[in-house]
PDB file of all heavy atoms in Angstrom:
ATOM      1  N   CYS A   1      89.767  83.389  82.477  1.00  0.00           N
ATOM      2  CA  CYS A   1      91.137  83.564  82.172  1.00  0.00           C
ATOM      3  C   CYS A   1      91.532  84.970  82.344  1.00  0.00           C
ATOM      4  O   CYS A   1      90.849  85.920  81.947  1.00  0.00           O
ATOM      5  CB  CYS A   1      91.415  83.177  80.718  1.00  0.00           C
ATOM      6  SG  CYS A   1      91.267  81.427  80.338  1.00  0.00           S
ATOM      7  N   PRO A   2      92.700  85.241  83.062  1.00  0.00           N
ATOM      8  CA  PRO A   2      93.155  86.606  83.234  1.00  0.00           C
ATOM      9  C   PRO A   2      93.415  87.312  81.950  1.00  0.00           C
ATOM     10  O   PRO A   2      93.884  86.752  80.973  1.00  0.00           O
ATOM     11  CB  PRO A   2      94.414  86.480  84.077  1.00  0.00           C
ATOM     12  CG  PRO A   2      94.349  85.074  84.669  1.00  0.00           C
ATOM     13  CD  PRO A   2      93.517  84.235  83.623  1.00  0.00           C
ATOM     14  N   LYS A   3      93.145  88.673  81.918  1.00  0.00           N
ATOM     15  CA  LYS A   3      93.476  89.463  80.796  1.00  0.00           C
ATOM     16  C   LYS A   3      94.806  90.200  80.919  1.00  0.00           C
ATOM     17  O   LYS A   3      95.309  90.748  79.992  1.00  0.00           O
ATOM     18  CB  LYS A   3      92.408  90.480  80.512  1.00  0.00           C
ATOM     19  CG  LYS A   3      90.999  89.726  80.269  1.00  0.00           C
ATOM     20  CD  LYS A   3      89.892  90.720  80.138  1.00  0.00           C
ATOM     21  CE  LYS A   3      89.934  91.511  78.870  1.00  0.00           C
ATOM     22  NZ  LYS A   3      88.736  92.412  78.617  1.00  0.00           N
ATOM     23  N   HIS A   4      95.317  90.285  82.189  1.00  0.00           N
ATOM     24  CA  HIS A   4      96.636  90.825  82.438  1.00  0.00           C
ATOM     25  C   HIS A   4      96.825  92.217  81.886  1.00  0.00           C
ATOM     26  O   HIS A   4      97.632  92.459  80.992  1.00  0.00           O
ATOM     27  CB  HIS A   4      97.788  89.878  81.903  1.00  0.00           C
ATOM     28  CG  HIS A   4      97.761  88.594  82.580  1.00  0.00           C
ATOM     29  ND1 HIS A   4      97.846  88.464  83.978  1.00  0.00           N
ATOM     30  CD2 HIS A   4      97.666  87.305  82.127  1.00  0.00           C
ATOM     31  CE1 HIS A   4      97.868  87.169  84.290  1.00  0.00           C
ATOM     32  NE2 HIS A   4      97.747  86.448  83.216  1.00  0.00           N
ATOM     33  N   VAL A   5      96.023  93.174  82.368  1.00  0.00           N
ATOM     34  CA  VAL A   5      96.238  94.587  81.922  1.00  0.00           C
ATOM     35  C   VAL A   5      96.430  95.472  83.248  1.00  0.00           C
ATOM     36  O   VAL A   5      96.153  96.596  83.230  1.00  0.00           O
ATOM     37  CB  VAL A   5      95.011  95.077  81.190  1.00  0.00           C
ATOM     38  CG1 VAL A   5      94.842  94.308  79.908  1.00  0.00           C
ATOM     39  CG2 VAL A   5      93.685  94.910  82.028  1.00  0.00           C
ATOM     40  N   GLY A   6      96.934  94.834  84.279  1.00  0.00           N
ATOM     41  CA  GLY A   6      96.925  95.458  85.599  1.00  0.00           C
ATOM     42  C   GLY A   6      97.925  96.600  85.779  1.00  0.00           C
ATOM     43  O   GLY A   6      97.753  97.314  86.793  1.00  0.00           O
ATOM     44  N   TYR A   7      98.737  96.967  84.873  1.00  0.00           N
ATOM     45  CA  TYR A   7      99.682  98.035  85.029  1.00  0.00           C
ATOM     46  C   TYR A   7      98.873  99.357  85.302  1.00  0.00           C
ATOM     47  O   TYR A   7      99.307 100.119  86.164  1.00  0.00           O
ATOM     48  CB  TYR A   7     100.520  98.171  83.767  1.00  0.00           C
ATOM     49  CG  TYR A   7     101.465  99.401  83.829  1.00  0.00           C
ATOM     50  CD1 TYR A   7     102.667  99.363  84.471  1.00  0.00           C
ATOM     51  CD2 TYR A   7     101.063 100.655  83.205  1.00  0.00           C
ATOM     52  CE1 TYR A   7     103.457 100.414  84.563  1.00  0.00           C
ATOM     53  CE2 TYR A   7     101.934 101.691  83.328  1.00  0.00           C
ATOM     54  CZ  TYR A   7     103.129 101.608  83.971  1.00  0.00           C
ATOM     55  OH  TYR A   7     103.945 102.734  84.048  1.00  0.00           O
ATOM     56  N   ASN A   8      97.867  99.601  84.672  1.00  0.00           N
ATOM     57  CA  ASN A   8      97.045 100.801  84.851  1.00  0.00           C
ATOM     58  C   ASN A   8      96.272 100.915  86.124  1.00  0.00           C
ATOM     59  O   ASN A   8      95.726 101.899  86.541  1.00  0.00           O
ATOM     60  CB  ASN A   8      96.027 101.037  83.659  1.00  0.00           C
ATOM     61  CG  ASN A   8      96.767 101.240  82.322  1.00  0.00           C
ATOM     62  OD1 ASN A   8      97.863 101.854  82.386  1.00  0.00           O
ATOM     63  ND2 ASN A   8      96.188 100.816  81.287  1.00  0.00           N
ATOM     64  N   TYR A   9      96.215  99.736  86.866  1.00  0.00           N
ATOM     65  CA  TYR A   9      95.407  99.689  88.081  1.00  0.00           C
ATOM     66  C   TYR A   9      96.152  99.691  89.340  1.00  0.00           C
ATOM     67  O   TYR A   9      95.773  99.226  90.295  1.00  0.00           O
ATOM     68  CB  TYR A   9      94.445  98.452  87.946  1.00  0.00           C
ATOM     69  CG  TYR A   9      93.554  98.554  86.782  1.00  0.00           C
ATOM     70  CD1 TYR A   9      93.870  98.109  85.542  1.00  0.00           C
ATOM     71  CD2 TYR A   9      92.316  99.204  86.816  1.00  0.00           C
ATOM     72  CE1 TYR A   9      93.058  98.137  84.477  1.00  0.00           C
ATOM     73  CE2 TYR A   9      91.458  99.351  85.835  1.00  0.00           C
ATOM     74  CZ  TYR A   9      91.821  98.814  84.612  1.00  0.00           C
ATOM     75  OH  TYR A   9      91.021  98.977  83.577  1.00  0.00           O
ATOM     76  N   VAL A  10      97.349 100.342  89.275  1.00  0.00           N
ATOM     77  CA  VAL A  10      98.238 100.503  90.391  1.00  0.00           C
ATOM     78  C   VAL A  10      98.086 101.866  90.962  1.00  0.00           C
ATOM     79  O   VAL A  10      98.095 102.937  90.222  1.00  0.00           O
ATOM     80  CB  VAL A  10      99.715 100.226  90.035  1.00  0.00           C
ATOM     81  CG1 VAL A  10     100.656 100.432  91.261  1.00  0.00           C
ATOM     82  CG2 VAL A  10      99.900  98.837  89.588  1.00  0.00           C
ATOM     83  N   ILE A  11      97.915 101.996  92.267  1.00  0.00           N
ATOM     84  CA  ILE A  11      97.929 103.383  92.960  1.00  0.00           C
ATOM     85  C   ILE A  11      99.388 103.716  93.106  1.00  0.00           C
ATOM     86  O   ILE A  11     100.176 102.948  93.579  1.00  0.00           O
ATOM     87  CB  ILE A  11      97.304 103.227  94.375  1.00  0.00           C
ATOM     88  CG1 ILE A  11      95.780 102.878  94.274  1.00  0.00           C
ATOM     89  CG2 ILE A  11      97.331 104.584  95.087  1.00  0.00           C
ATOM     90  CD1 ILE A  11      95.167 102.544  95.564  1.00  0.00           C
ATOM     91  N   ARG A  12      99.758 104.853  92.615  1.00  0.00           N
ATOM     92  CA  ARG A  12     101.099 105.334  92.599  1.00  0.00           C
ATOM     93  C   ARG A  12     101.340 106.413  93.691  1.00  0.00           C
ATOM     94  O   ARG A  12     101.159 107.573  93.444  1.00  0.00           O
ATOM     95  CB  ARG A  12     101.572 105.821  91.208  1.00  0.00           C
ATOM     96  CG  ARG A  12     101.306 104.742  90.156  1.00  0.00           C
ATOM     97  CD  ARG A  12     102.015 104.960  88.808  1.00  0.00           C
ATOM     98  NE  ARG A  12     101.695 103.828  87.998  1.00  0.00           N
ATOM     99  CZ  ARG A  12     102.242 102.621  88.018  1.00  0.00           C
ATOM    100  NH1 ARG A  12     103.221 102.388  88.991  1.00  0.00           N
ATOM    101  NH2 ARG A  12     101.914 101.564  87.298  1.00  0.00           N
ATOM    102  N   GLY A  13     101.726 105.888  94.855  1.00  0.00           N
ATOM    103  CA  GLY A  13     101.847 106.812  96.003  1.00  0.00           C
ATOM    104  C   GLY A  13     103.265 107.392  96.040  1.00  0.00           C
ATOM    105  O   GLY A  13     104.171 107.039  95.285  1.00  0.00           O
ATOM    106  N   SER A  14     103.415 108.298  96.993  1.00  0.00           N
ATOM    107  CA  SER A  14     104.719 109.070  97.235  1.00  0.00           C
ATOM    108  C   SER A  14     104.956 109.247  98.699  1.00  0.00           C
ATOM    109  O   SER A  14     104.048 109.775  99.357  1.00  0.00           O
ATOM    110  CB  SER A  14     104.656 110.353  96.437  1.00  0.00           C
ATOM    111  OG  SER A  14     105.860 111.085  96.824  1.00  0.00           O
ATOM    112  N   ALA A  15     106.212 108.894  99.163  1.00  0.00           N
ATOM    113  CA  ALA A  15     106.539 109.089 100.538  1.00  0.00           C
ATOM    114  C   ALA A  15     106.526 110.582 100.877  1.00  0.00           C
ATOM    115  O   ALA A  15     106.318 110.969 102.087  1.00  0.00           O
ATOM    116  CB  ALA A  15     107.834 108.433 100.850  1.00  0.00           C
ATOM    117  N   ALA A  16     106.682 111.436  99.919  1.00  0.00           N
ATOM    118  CA  ALA A  16     106.742 112.924 100.095  1.00  0.00           C
ATOM    119  C   ALA A  16     105.472 113.438 100.545  1.00  0.00           C
ATOM    120  O   ALA A  16     105.375 114.513 101.183  1.00  0.00           O
ATOM    121  CB  ALA A  16     107.294 113.598  98.860  1.00  0.00           C
ATOM    122  N   THR A  17     104.312 112.822 100.196  1.00  0.00           N
ATOM    123  CA  THR A  17     103.014 113.354 100.512  1.00  0.00           C
ATOM    124  C   THR A  17     102.052 112.428 101.318  1.00  0.00           C
ATOM    125  O   THR A  17     100.951 112.654 101.488  1.00  0.00           O
ATOM    126  CB  THR A  17     102.258 113.762  99.208  1.00  0.00           C
ATOM    127  OG1 THR A  17     102.025 112.597  98.434  1.00  0.00           O
ATOM    128  CG2 THR A  17     103.113 114.735  98.384  1.00  0.00           C
ATOM    129  N   PHE A  18     102.669 111.380 101.841  1.00  0.00           N
ATOM    130  CA  PHE A  18     101.943 110.324 102.569  1.00  0.00           C
ATOM    131  C   PHE A  18     101.016 110.925 103.686  1.00  0.00           C
ATOM    132  O   PHE A  18     101.495 111.723 104.491  1.00  0.00           O
ATOM    133  CB  PHE A  18     102.781 109.282 103.139  1.00  0.00           C
ATOM    134  CG  PHE A  18     102.175 108.262 103.930  1.00  0.00           C
ATOM    135  CD1 PHE A  18     101.092 107.589 103.471  1.00  0.00           C
ATOM    136  CD2 PHE A  18     102.773 107.867 105.143  1.00  0.00           C
ATOM    137  CE1 PHE A  18     100.475 106.614 104.282  1.00  0.00           C
ATOM    138  CE2 PHE A  18     102.150 106.866 105.944  1.00  0.00           C
ATOM    139  CZ  PHE A  18     101.014 106.197 105.472  1.00  0.00           C
ATOM    140  N   TYR A  19      99.753 110.569 103.638  1.00  0.00           N
ATOM    141  CA  TYR A  19      98.805 110.984 104.696  1.00  0.00           C
ATOM    142  C   TYR A  19      98.888 109.965 105.847  1.00  0.00           C
ATOM    143  O   TYR A  19      98.188 108.893 105.762  1.00  0.00           O
ATOM    144  CB  TYR A  19      97.401 111.217 104.223  1.00  0.00           C
ATOM    145  CG  TYR A  19      96.453 111.909 105.227  1.00  0.00           C
ATOM    146  CD1 TYR A  19      96.571 113.251 105.370  1.00  0.00           C
ATOM    147  CD2 TYR A  19      95.556 111.122 106.001  1.00  0.00           C
ATOM    148  CE1 TYR A  19      95.793 113.856 106.379  1.00  0.00           C
ATOM    149  CE2 TYR A  19      94.799 111.818 106.949  1.00  0.00           C
ATOM    150  CZ  TYR A  19      94.898 113.184 107.134  1.00  0.00           C
ATOM    151  OH  TYR A  19      94.087 113.823 108.060  1.00  0.00           O
ATOM    152  N   ASP A  20      99.709 110.187 106.770  1.00  0.00           N
ATOM    153  CA  ASP A  20      99.991 109.172 107.840  1.00  0.00           C
ATOM    154  C   ASP A  20      99.174 109.442 109.101  1.00  0.00           C
ATOM    155  O   ASP A  20      99.613 109.539 110.200  1.00  0.00           O
ATOM    156  CB  ASP A  20     101.496 109.211 108.241  1.00  0.00           C
ATOM    157  CG  ASP A  20     101.868 108.049 109.078  1.00  0.00           C
ATOM    158  OD1 ASP A  20     101.073 107.070 109.091  1.00  0.00           O
ATOM    159  OD2 ASP A  20     102.900 108.164 109.692  1.00  0.00           O
ATOM    160  N   LYS A  21      97.859 109.482 108.747  1.00  0.00           N
ATOM    161  CA  LYS A  21      96.788 109.656 109.831  1.00  0.00           C
ATOM    162  C   LYS A  21      95.610 108.883 109.531  1.00  0.00           C
ATOM    163  O   LYS A  21      95.462 108.345 108.418  1.00  0.00           O
ATOM    164  CB  LYS A  21      96.372 111.114 109.922  1.00  0.00           C
ATOM    165  CG  LYS A  21      97.529 112.109 110.346  1.00  0.00           C
ATOM    166  CD  LYS A  21      97.017 113.577 110.239  1.00  0.00           C
ATOM    167  CE  LYS A  21      98.232 114.507 110.523  1.00  0.00           C
ATOM    168  NZ  LYS A  21      97.816 115.925 110.500  1.00  0.00           N
ATOM    169  N   PRO A  22      94.758 108.537 110.456  1.00  0.00           N
ATOM    170  CA  PRO A  22      93.589 107.665 110.242  1.00  0.00           C
ATOM    171  C   PRO A  22      92.653 108.133 109.140  1.00  0.00           C
ATOM    172  O   PRO A  22      92.375 109.406 109.045  1.00  0.00           O
ATOM    173  CB  PRO A  22      92.906 107.609 111.551  1.00  0.00           C
ATOM    174  CG  PRO A  22      93.969 107.975 112.569  1.00  0.00           C
ATOM    175  CD  PRO A  22      94.770 109.016 111.924  1.00  0.00           C
ATOM    176  N   ILE A  23      92.176 107.215 108.318  1.00  0.00           N
ATOM    177  CA  ILE A  23      91.196 107.493 107.348  1.00  0.00           C
ATOM    178  C   ILE A  23      90.008 106.521 107.547  1.00  0.00           C
ATOM    179  O   ILE A  23      90.158 105.359 107.465  1.00  0.00           O
ATOM    180  CB  ILE A  23      91.761 107.283 105.922  1.00  0.00           C
ATOM    181  CG1 ILE A  23      92.915 108.295 105.630  1.00  0.00           C
ATOM    182  CG2 ILE A  23      90.720 107.486 104.823  1.00  0.00           C
ATOM    183  CD1 ILE A  23      93.570 108.083 104.253  1.00  0.00           C
ATOM    184  N   ALA A  24      88.969 107.112 107.762  1.00  0.00           N
ATOM    185  CA  ALA A  24      87.603 106.339 107.901  1.00  0.00           C
ATOM    186  C   ALA A  24      86.921 106.312 106.610  1.00  0.00           C
ATOM    187  O   ALA A  24      86.460 107.392 106.144  1.00  0.00           O
ATOM    188  CB  ALA A  24      86.752 106.891 109.031  1.00  0.00           C
TER     189      ALA A  24
END
């Protein structure tokens, strides 16, 4: 059964600092 606590498990990105290059 889900515990539904997912709010804290979101990555909060920003278009102002986005690394728009390849990441290996």
